[in-house]
Amino acid sequence: MRLARPVYEILPLIYVAIGALALLIAYLAHEGPRSLLAFGIGVLAEIAALTIFLHRQDYRAQSREYSGETIDFPSTLHG
């Protein structure tokens, strides 16, 4: 699935907000399955945010390093 660039840029922030809210709910619920479920969702959302953030950072670094140009080799096929 391909997302538009502005959506892809804001996605880690959305995941951080969802994760923070879920962790807050887990903290306030104290015990029980709801707390455990909220904690799991919070941790997964934070991991997803970190993964996307690091992926974007790596993509930017590679884009700066490699311009995308190809090496032109002399062709002997058109002889």
PDB file of N, CA and C in Angstrom:
ATOM      1  N   MET A   1       0.842  -1.166   0.000  1.00  0.00           N
ATOM      2  CA  MET A   1       0.000   0.000   0.000  1.00  0.00           C
ATOM      3  C   MET A   1       0.890   1.232   0.000  1.00  0.00           C
ATOM      4  N   ARG A   2       0.555   2.178  -0.817  1.00  0.00           N
ATOM      5  CA  ARG A   2       1.343   3.399  -0.940  1.00  0.00           C
ATOM      6  C   ARG A   2       0.525   4.579  -0.431  1.00  0.00           C
ATOM      7  N   LEU A   3       1.125   5.360   0.463  1.00  0.00           N
ATOM      8  CA  LEU A   3       0.450   6.519   1.041  1.00  0.00           C
ATOM      9  C   LEU A   3       1.053   7.802   0.493  1.00  0.00           C
ATOM     10  N   ALA A   4       0.252   8.856   0.476  1.00  0.00           N
ATOM     11  CA  ALA A   4       0.753  10.162   0.061  1.00  0.00           C
ATOM     12  C   ALA A   4       1.816  10.627   1.058  1.00  0.00           C
ATOM     13  N   ARG A   5       2.742  11.414   0.593  1.00  0.00           N
ATOM     14  CA  ARG A   5       3.865  11.839   1.435  1.00  0.00           C
ATOM     15  C   ARG A   5       3.430  12.568   2.713  1.00  0.00           C
ATOM     16  N   PRO A   6       2.479  13.530   2.655  1.00  0.00           N
ATOM     17  CA  PRO A   6       2.079  14.186   3.911  1.00  0.00           C
ATOM     18  C   PRO A   6       1.463  13.219   4.922  1.00  0.00           C
ATOM     19  N   VAL A   7       0.709  12.253   4.438  1.00  0.00           N
ATOM     20  CA  VAL A   7       0.114  11.254   5.337  1.00  0.00           C
ATOM     21  C   VAL A   7       1.218  10.404   5.950  1.00  0.00           C
ATOM     22  N   TYR A   8       2.184  10.021   5.146  1.00  0.00           N
ATOM     23  CA  TYR A   8       3.274   9.175   5.632  1.00  0.00           C
ATOM     24  C   TYR A   8       4.150   9.919   6.634  1.00  0.00           C
ATOM     25  N   GLU A   9       4.282  11.236   6.471  1.00  0.00           N
ATOM     26  CA  GLU A   9       5.082  12.033   7.390  1.00  0.00           C
ATOM     27  C   GLU A   9       4.392  12.203   8.743  1.00  0.00           C
ATOM     28  N   ILE A  10       3.062  12.289   8.761  1.00  0.00           N
ATOM     29  CA  ILE A  10       2.337  12.525  10.004  1.00  0.00           C
ATOM     30  C   ILE A  10       1.991  11.216  10.721  1.00  0.00           C
ATOM     31  N   LEU A  11       2.095  10.091  10.036  1.00  0.00           N
ATOM     32  CA  LEU A  11       1.711   8.801  10.600  1.00  0.00           C
ATOM     33  C   LEU A  11       2.440   8.448  11.901  1.00  0.00           C
ATOM     34  N   PRO A  12       3.755   8.662  12.018  1.00  0.00           N
ATOM     35  CA  PRO A  12       4.397   8.360  13.303  1.00  0.00           C
ATOM     36  C   PRO A  12       3.836   9.175  14.460  1.00  0.00           C
ATOM     37  N   LEU A  13       3.479  10.421  14.201  1.00  0.00           N
ATOM     38  CA  LEU A  13       2.908  11.250  15.263  1.00  0.00           C
ATOM     39  C   LEU A  13       1.536  10.741  15.696  1.00  0.00           C
ATOM     40  N   ILE A  14       0.759  10.275  14.743  1.00  0.00           N
ATOM     41  CA  ILE A  14      -0.546   9.694  15.075  1.00  0.00           C
ATOM     42  C   ILE A  14      -0.362   8.439  15.918  1.00  0.00           C
ATOM     43  N   TYR A  15       0.590   7.591  15.532  1.00  0.00           N
ATOM     44  CA  TYR A  15       0.850   6.374  16.305  1.00  0.00           C
ATOM     45  C   TYR A  15       1.364   6.685  17.709  1.00  0.00           C
ATOM     46  N   VAL A  16       2.184   7.720  17.837  1.00  0.00           N
ATOM     47  CA  VAL A  16       2.667   8.117  19.165  1.00  0.00           C
ATOM     48  C   VAL A  16       1.496   8.573  20.028  1.00  0.00           C
ATOM     49  N   ALA A  17       0.588   9.348  19.453  1.00  0.00           N
ATOM     50  CA  ALA A  17      -0.576   9.828  20.207  1.00  0.00           C
ATOM     51  C   ALA A  17      -1.473   8.663  20.634  1.00  0.00           C
ATOM     52  N   ILE A  18      -1.713   7.725  19.718  1.00  0.00           N
ATOM     53  CA  ILE A  18      -2.528   6.555  20.054  1.00  0.00           C
ATOM     54  C   ILE A  18      -1.850   5.734  21.142  1.00  0.00           C
ATOM     55  N   GLY A  19      -0.548   5.536  21.016  1.00  0.00           N
ATOM     56  CA  GLY A  19       0.193   4.768  22.009  1.00  0.00           C
ATOM     57  C   GLY A  19       0.187   5.435  23.368  1.00  0.00           C
ATOM     58  N   ALA A  20       0.368   6.752  23.397  1.00  0.00           N
ATOM     59  CA  ALA A  20       0.366   7.481  24.668  1.00  0.00           C
ATOM     60  C   ALA A  20      -1.005   7.410  25.328  1.00  0.00           C
ATOM     61  N   LEU A  21      -2.054   7.546  24.544  1.00  0.00           N
ATOM     62  CA  LEU A  21      -3.405   7.454  25.083  1.00  0.00           C
ATOM     63  C   LEU A  21      -3.684   6.054  25.633  1.00  0.00           C
ATOM     64  N   ALA A  22      -3.274   5.045  24.902  1.00  0.00           N
ATOM     65  CA  ALA A  22      -3.485   3.666  25.358  1.00  0.00           C
ATOM     66  C   ALA A  22      -2.688   3.375  26.626  1.00  0.00           C
ATOM     67  N   LEU A  23      -1.460   3.874  26.709  1.00  0.00           N
ATOM     68  CA  LEU A  23      -0.662   3.664  27.922  1.00  0.00           C
ATOM     69  C   LEU A  23      -1.246   4.423  29.105  1.00  0.00           C
ATOM     70  N   LEU A  24      -1.814   5.601  28.861  1.00  0.00           N
ATOM     71  CA  LEU A  24      -2.480   6.343  29.927  1.00  0.00           C
ATOM     72  C   LEU A  24      -3.707   5.583  30.429  1.00  0.00           C
ATOM     73  N   ILE A  25      -4.476   5.016  29.506  1.00  0.00           N
ATOM     74  CA  ILE A  25      -5.636   4.212  29.896  1.00  0.00           C
ATOM     75  C   ILE A  25      -5.190   2.997  30.696  1.00  0.00           C
ATOM     76  N   ALA A  26      -4.109   2.361  30.284  1.00  0.00           N
ATOM     77  CA  ALA A  26      -3.593   1.200  31.019  1.00  0.00           C
ATOM     78  C   ALA A  26      -3.156   1.604  32.420  1.00  0.00           C
ATOM     79  N   TYR A  27      -2.573   2.772  32.547  1.00  0.00           N
ATOM     80  CA  TYR A  27      -2.125   3.249  33.861  1.00  0.00           C
ATOM     81  C   TYR A  27      -3.320   3.563  34.767  1.00  0.00           C
ATOM     82  N   LEU A  28      -4.350   4.181  34.205  1.00  0.00           N
ATOM     83  CA  LEU A  28      -5.505   4.573  35.002  1.00  0.00           C
ATOM     84  C   LEU A  28      -6.427   3.397  35.329  1.00  0.00           C
ATOM     85  N   ALA A  29      -6.437   2.370  34.500  1.00  0.00           N
ATOM     86  CA  ALA A  29      -7.317   1.217  34.724  1.00  0.00           C
ATOM     87  C   ALA A  29      -6.761   0.290  35.807  1.00  0.00           C
ATOM     88  N   HIS A  30      -5.503   0.422  36.146  1.00  0.00           N
ATOM     89  CA  HIS A  30      -4.817  -0.332  37.197  1.00  0.00           C
ATOM     90  C   HIS A  30      -4.737  -1.828  36.925  1.00  0.00           C
ATOM     91  N   GLU A  31      -5.830  -2.542  36.969  1.00  0.00           N
ATOM     92  CA  GLU A  31      -5.802  -4.003  36.842  1.00  0.00           C
ATOM     93  C   GLU A  31      -6.860  -4.470  35.846  1.00  0.00           C
ATOM     94  N   GLY A  32      -6.770  -5.726  35.517  1.00  0.00           N
ATOM     95  CA  GLY A  32      -7.800  -6.332  34.685  1.00  0.00           C
ATOM     96  C   GLY A  32      -7.403  -6.459  33.238  1.00  0.00           C
ATOM     97  N   PRO A  33      -8.253  -7.103  32.467  1.00  0.00           N
ATOM     98  CA  PRO A  33      -7.948  -7.336  31.053  1.00  0.00           C
ATOM     99  C   PRO A  33      -7.940  -6.044  30.224  1.00  0.00           C
ATOM    100  N   ARG A  34      -8.736  -5.059  30.620  1.00  0.00           N
ATOM    101  CA  ARG A  34      -8.755  -3.802  29.875  1.00  0.00           C
ATOM    102  C   ARG A  34      -7.402  -3.096  29.986  1.00  0.00           C
ATOM    103  N   SER A  35      -6.822  -3.121  31.157  1.00  0.00           N
ATOM    104  CA  SER A  35      -5.513  -2.516  31.352  1.00  0.00           C
ATOM    105  C   SER A  35      -4.436  -3.230  30.540  1.00  0.00           C
ATOM    106  N   LEU A  36      -4.486  -4.548  30.560  1.00  0.00           N
ATOM    107  CA  LEU A  36      -3.511  -5.337  29.805  1.00  0.00           C
ATOM    108  C   LEU A  36      -3.658  -5.115  28.300  1.00  0.00           C
ATOM    109  N   LEU A  37      -4.893  -5.070  27.820  1.00  0.00           N
ATOM    110  CA  LEU A  37      -5.137  -4.831  26.402  1.00  0.00           C
ATOM    111  C   LEU A  37      -4.672  -3.431  25.990  1.00  0.00           C
ATOM    112  N   ALA A  38      -4.982  -2.439  26.813  1.00  0.00           N
ATOM    113  CA  ALA A  38      -4.553  -1.064  26.508  1.00  0.00           C
ATOM    114  C   ALA A  38      -3.033  -0.961  26.507  1.00  0.00           C
ATOM    115  N   PHE A  39      -2.383  -1.647  27.442  1.00  0.00           N
ATOM    116  CA  PHE A  39      -0.923  -1.630  27.486  1.00  0.00           C
ATOM    117  C   PHE A  39      -0.334  -2.258  26.220  1.00  0.00           C
ATOM    118  N   GLY A  40      -0.898  -3.387  25.788  1.00  0.00           N
ATOM    119  CA  GLY A  40      -0.428  -4.045  24.561  1.00  0.00           C
ATOM    120  C   GLY A  40      -0.600  -3.163  23.336  1.00  0.00           C
ATOM    121  N   ILE A  41      -1.753  -2.529  23.228  1.00  0.00           N
ATOM    122  CA  ILE A  41      -2.002  -1.631  22.104  1.00  0.00           C
ATOM    123  C   ILE A  41      -1.038  -0.446  22.149  1.00  0.00           C
ATOM    124  N   GLY A  42      -0.799   0.079  23.339  1.00  0.00           N
ATOM    125  CA  GLY A  42       0.119   1.208  23.485  1.00  0.00           C
ATOM    126  C   GLY A  42       1.533   0.861  23.070  1.00  0.00           C
ATOM    127  N   VAL A  43       2.004  -0.294  23.507  1.00  0.00           N
ATOM    128  CA  VAL A  43       3.361  -0.713  23.157  1.00  0.00           C
ATOM    129  C   VAL A  43       3.478  -0.958  21.648  1.00  0.00           C
ATOM    130  N   LEU A  44       2.489  -1.618  21.068  1.00  0.00           N
ATOM    131  CA  LEU A  44       2.522  -1.868  19.620  1.00  0.00           C
ATOM    132  C   LEU A  44       2.472  -0.571  18.818  1.00  0.00           C
ATOM    133  N   ALA A  45       1.673   0.393  19.264  1.00  0.00           N
ATOM    134  CA  ALA A  45       1.593   1.672  18.555  1.00  0.00           C
ATOM    135  C   ALA A  45       2.918   2.426  18.642  1.00  0.00           C
ATOM    136  N   GLU A  46       3.568   2.376  19.794  1.00  0.00           N
ATOM    137  CA  GLU A  46       4.857   3.055  19.931  1.00  0.00           C
ATOM    138  C   GLU A  46       5.930   2.379  19.072  1.00  0.00           C
ATOM    139  N   ILE A  47       5.912   1.064  18.998  1.00  0.00           N
ATOM    140  CA  ILE A  47       6.864   0.343  18.141  1.00  0.00           C
ATOM    141  C   ILE A  47       6.622   0.683  16.671  1.00  0.00           C
ATOM    142  N   ALA A  48       5.349   0.753  16.273  1.00  0.00           N
ATOM    143  CA  ALA A  48       5.015   1.110  14.893  1.00  0.00           C
ATOM    144  C   ALA A  48       5.496   2.523  14.577  1.00  0.00           C
ATOM    145  N   ALA A  49       5.311   3.455  15.505  1.00  0.00           N
ATOM    146  CA  ALA A  49       5.763   4.832  15.291  1.00  0.00           C
ATOM    147  C   ALA A  49       7.276   4.890  15.133  1.00  0.00           C
ATOM    148  N   LEU A  50       7.993   4.184  15.987  1.00  0.00           N
ATOM    149  CA  LEU A  50       9.456   4.169  15.910  1.00  0.00           C
ATOM    150  C   LEU A  50       9.936   3.521  14.608  1.00  0.00           C
ATOM    151  N   THR A  51       9.278   2.454  14.195  1.00  0.00           N
ATOM    152  CA  THR A  51       9.651   1.771  12.958  1.00  0.00           C
ATOM    153  C   THR A  51       9.483   2.687  11.753  1.00  0.00           C
ATOM    154  N   ILE A  52       8.351   3.351  11.661  1.00  0.00           N
ATOM    155  CA  ILE A  52       8.102   4.242  10.522  1.00  0.00           C
ATOM    156  C   ILE A  52       9.061   5.433  10.563  1.00  0.00           C
ATOM    157  N   PHE A  53       9.298   5.987  11.752  1.00  0.00           N
ATOM    158  CA  PHE A  53      10.218   7.113  11.881  1.00  0.00           C
ATOM    159  C   PHE A  53      11.625   6.723  11.416  1.00  0.00           C
ATOM    160  N   LEU A  54      12.113   5.577  11.852  1.00  0.00           N
ATOM    161  CA  LEU A  54      13.454   5.141  11.455  1.00  0.00           C
ATOM    162  C   LEU A  54      13.524   4.806   9.968  1.00  0.00           C
ATOM    163  N   HIS A  55      12.442   4.259   9.427  1.00  0.00           N
ATOM    164  CA  HIS A  55      12.407   3.950   8.000  1.00  0.00           C
ATOM    165  C   HIS A  55      12.485   5.238   7.177  1.00  0.00           C
ATOM    166  N   ARG A  56      11.742   6.270   7.590  1.00  0.00           N
ATOM    167  CA  ARG A  56      11.791   7.549   6.891  1.00  0.00           C
ATOM    168  C   ARG A  56      13.186   8.182   6.994  1.00  0.00           C
ATOM    169  N   GLN A  57      13.795   8.087   8.167  1.00  0.00           N
ATOM    170  CA  GLN A  57      15.128   8.648   8.364  1.00  0.00           C
ATOM    171  C   GLN A  57      16.142   7.952   7.468  1.00  0.00           C
ATOM    172  N   ASP A  58      16.052   6.629   7.360  1.00  0.00           N
ATOM    173  CA  ASP A  58      16.955   5.869   6.498  1.00  0.00           C
ATOM    174  C   ASP A  58      16.731   6.221   5.028  1.00  0.00           C
ATOM    175  N   TYR A  59      15.479   6.368   4.634  1.00  0.00           N
ATOM    176  CA  TYR A  59      15.163   6.723   3.256  1.00  0.00           C
ATOM    177  C   TYR A  59      15.752   8.091   2.899  1.00  0.00           C
ATOM    178  N   ARG A  60      15.617   9.050   3.809  1.00  0.00           N
ATOM    179  CA  ARG A  60      16.175  10.377   3.548  1.00  0.00           C
ATOM    180  C   ARG A  60      17.690  10.339   3.435  1.00  0.00           C
ATOM    181  N   ALA A  61      18.334   9.563   4.301  1.00  0.00           N
ATOM    182  CA  ALA A  61      19.796   9.461   4.265  1.00  0.00           C
ATOM    183  C   ALA A  61      20.258   8.829   2.956  1.00  0.00           C
ATOM    184  N   GLN A  62      19.569   7.795   2.512  1.00  0.00           N
ATOM    185  CA  GLN A  62      19.953   7.149   1.256  1.00  0.00           C
ATOM    186  C   GLN A  62      19.674   8.053   0.063  1.00  0.00           C
ATOM    187  N   SER A  63      18.611   8.826   0.119  1.00  0.00           N
ATOM    188  CA  SER A  63      18.305   9.745  -0.979  1.00  0.00           C
ATOM    189  C   SER A  63      19.369  10.820  -1.120  1.00  0.00           C
ATOM    190  N   ARG A  64      19.912  11.277   0.007  1.00  0.00           N
ATOM    191  CA  ARG A  64      20.972  12.283  -0.049  1.00  0.00           C
ATOM    192  C   ARG A  64      22.268  11.679  -0.573  1.00  0.00           C
ATOM    193  N   GLU A  65      22.524  10.425  -0.237  1.00  0.00           N
ATOM    194  CA  GLU A  65      23.787   9.784  -0.613  1.00  0.00           C
ATOM    195  C   GLU A  65      23.799   9.341  -2.074  1.00  0.00           C
ATOM    196  N   TYR A  66      22.670   8.820  -2.550  1.00  0.00           N
ATOM    197  CA  TYR A  66      22.603   8.293  -3.919  1.00  0.00           C
ATOM    198  C   TYR A  66      21.610   9.125  -4.716  1.00  0.00           C
ATOM    199  N   SER A  67      22.075   9.650  -5.841  1.00  0.00           N
ATOM    200  CA  SER A  67      21.217  10.522  -6.645  1.00  0.00           C
ATOM    201  C   SER A  67      20.276   9.741  -7.555  1.00  0.00           C
ATOM    202  N   GLY A  68      20.479   8.471  -7.702  1.00  0.00           N
ATOM    203  CA  GLY A  68      19.627   7.671  -8.569  1.00  0.00           C
ATOM    204  C   GLY A  68      20.131   7.571  -9.991  1.00  0.00           C
ATOM    205  N   GLU A  69      21.258   8.199 -10.284  1.00  0.00           N
ATOM    206  CA  GLU A  69      21.818   8.130 -11.630  1.00  0.00           C
ATOM    207  C   GLU A  69      22.420   6.755 -11.860  1.00  0.00           C
ATOM    208  N   THR A  70      22.395   6.336 -13.099  1.00  0.00           N
ATOM    209  CA  THR A  70      22.981   5.054 -13.462  1.00  0.00           C
ATOM    210  C   THR A  70      24.342   5.289 -14.112  1.00  0.00           C
ATOM    211  N   ILE A  71      25.140   4.275 -14.098  1.00  0.00           N
ATOM    212  CA  ILE A  71      26.452   4.336 -14.743  1.00  0.00           C
ATOM    213  C   ILE A  71      26.266   3.955 -16.208  1.00  0.00           C
ATOM    214  N   ASP A  72      26.749   4.787 -17.103  1.00  0.00           N
ATOM    215  CA  ASP A  72      26.637   4.496 -18.526  1.00  0.00           C
ATOM    216  C   ASP A  72      27.870   3.711 -18.982  1.00  0.00           C
ATOM    217  N   PHE A  73      27.626   2.489 -19.380  1.00  0.00           N
ATOM    218  CA  PHE A  73      28.693   1.651 -19.916  1.00  0.00           C
ATOM    219  C   PHE A  73      28.617   1.670 -21.436  1.00  0.00           C
ATOM    220  N   PRO A  74      29.763   1.667 -22.099  1.00  0.00           N
ATOM    221  CA  PRO A  74      29.714   1.610 -23.565  1.00  0.00           C
ATOM    222  C   PRO A  74      29.110   0.274 -24.023  1.00  0.00           C
ATOM    223  N   SER A  75      28.205   0.368 -24.945  1.00  0.00           N
ATOM    224  CA  SER A  75      27.524  -0.829 -25.417  1.00  0.00           C
ATOM    225  C   SER A  75      28.202  -1.363 -26.675  1.00  0.00           C
ATOM    226  N   THR A  76      28.426  -2.653 -26.726  1.00  0.00           N
ATOM    227  CA  THR A  76      28.997  -3.279 -27.914  1.00  0.00           C
ATOM    228  C   THR A  76      27.928  -4.002 -28.726  1.00  0.00           C
ATOM    229  N   LEU A  77      26.670  -3.885 -28.318  1.00  0.00           N
ATOM    230  CA  LEU A  77      25.595  -4.584 -29.008  1.00  0.00           C
ATOM    231  C   LEU A  77      25.167  -3.872 -30.280  1.00  0.00           C
ATOM    232  N   HIS A  78      25.331  -2.558 -30.313  1.00  0.00           N
ATOM    233  CA  HIS A  78      24.853  -1.780 -31.462  1.00  0.00           C
ATOM    234  C   HIS A  78      25.959  -1.526 -32.480  1.00  0.00           C
ATOM    235  N   GLY A  79      26.945  -2.316 -32.441  1.00  0.00           N
ATOM    236  CA  GLY A  79      28.116  -2.285 -33.141  1.00  0.00           C
ATOM    237  C   GLY A  79      28.554  -1.774 -34.348  1.00  0.00           C
TER     238      GLY A  79
END
